[in-house]
Protein backbone atom coordinates (compact mmCIF):
# COMPACT_ATOMS: atom_id res chain seq x y z
CA UNK A 1 51.52 89.77 71.40
CA UNK A 2 51.71 88.05 67.83
CA UNK A 3 52.27 91.18 66.22
CA UNK A 4 55.74 92.14 67.06
CA UNK A 5 56.45 88.50 67.20
CA UNK A 6 55.26 88.04 63.17
CA UNK A 7 57.43 91.39 62.53
CA UNK A 8 60.54 89.87 64.39
CA UNK A 9 60.11 86.81 62.02
CA UNK A 10 59.49 89.22 59.11
CA UNK A 11 63.12 91.03 59.55
CA UNK A 12 64.62 88.19 59.85
CA UNK A 13 63.71 86.61 56.67
CA UNK A 14 64.39 90.27 55.32
CA UNK A 15 67.85 90.46 57.04
CA UNK A 16 68.23 86.38 55.45
CA UNK A 17 68.04 87.57 52.15
CA UNK A 18 69.95 90.61 52.27
CA UNK A 19 72.66 88.55 53.26
CA UNK A 20 72.21 86.03 50.59
CA UNK A 21 72.16 88.36 47.87
CA UNK A 22 75.01 90.15 49.34
CA UNK A 23 77.34 86.75 49.44
CA UNK A 24 76.08 85.85 46.14
CA UNK A 25 76.92 89.47 44.76
CA UNK A 26 80.55 89.22 46.42
CA UNK A 27 81.00 85.65 45.13
CA UNK A 28 80.24 86.58 41.36
CA UNK A 29 82.38 89.43 41.34
CA UNK A 30 85.37 87.69 42.88
CA UNK A 31 84.68 85.52 39.89
CA UNK A 32 84.45 87.81 37.40
CA UNK A 33 87.45 89.57 38.20
CA UNK A 34 89.44 86.29 38.69
CA UNK A 35 88.37 85.42 34.88
CA UNK A 36 89.51 88.68 33.74
CA UNK A 37 92.88 88.00 35.59
CA UNK A 38 93.50 84.24 33.89
CA UNK A 39 93.09 86.14 30.37
CA UNK A 40 96.22 87.45 30.66
CA UNK A 41 97.39 87.21 26.87
CA UNK A 42 93.87 89.28 25.82
CA UNK A 43 93.56 93.04 25.70
CA UNK A 44 92.37 95.57 28.56
CA UNK A 45 89.15 96.33 26.67
CA UNK A 46 88.60 92.36 25.79
CA UNK A 47 89.42 91.82 29.65
CA UNK A 48 86.82 94.05 31.22
CA UNK A 49 84.28 92.69 28.14
CA UNK A 50 85.54 88.79 29.94
CA UNK A 51 84.24 90.04 33.74
CA UNK A 52 81.20 91.82 32.30
CA UNK A 53 80.06 88.50 30.93
CA UNK A 54 81.10 86.23 33.42
CA UNK A 55 79.52 87.96 36.29
CA UNK A 56 76.47 88.41 34.53
CA UNK A 57 75.97 84.98 33.91
CA UNK A 58 77.45 84.18 37.50
CA UNK A 59 75.17 86.99 39.58
CA UNK A 60 71.31 86.00 38.82
CA UNK A 61 70.26 88.31 41.51
CA UNK A 62 66.86 86.29 42.14
CA UNK A 63 66.34 87.81 45.76
CA UNK A 64 66.50 91.25 45.21
CA UNK A 65 65.19 92.50 41.84
CA UNK A 66 66.79 95.63 41.53
CA UNK A 67 69.47 96.35 38.83
CA UNK A 68 73.15 95.66 39.20
CA UNK A 69 75.93 98.40 38.36
CA UNK A 70 78.89 96.77 37.38
CA UNK A 71 82.02 98.44 36.79
CA UNK A 72 85.54 96.69 36.12
CA UNK A 73 89.03 98.27 35.77
CA UNK A 74 91.68 96.36 34.44
CA UNK A 75 95.82 97.77 34.84
CA UNK A 76 98.76 96.00 34.47
CA UNK A 77 98.94 94.49 37.62
CA UNK A 78 95.50 95.07 39.17
CA UNK A 79 92.03 94.80 38.53
CA UNK A 80 89.13 96.45 39.69
CA UNK A 81 85.44 95.03 40.08
CA UNK A 82 82.73 96.74 41.59
CA UNK A 83 78.85 95.95 41.92
CA UNK A 84 76.41 97.91 43.41
CA UNK A 85 73.06 96.43 44.03
């Protein structure tokens, strides 16, 4: 009886950790895109570099332990930021 209970508790803890990393990843991604959007007077490559630097500073990834694949594209009116963890 205690083994299924321990498995359920372990699964719940893992699920909460995944949600925390997902929330931090999304928040960091949004902040990086906004930082690039605020730098309107910069060139496209400078804005992309700003977004990448901002994302690296904002996302710690402490709960996961994996590599983050971050991509950003700046166009005239849109900024697209994607991350895979």
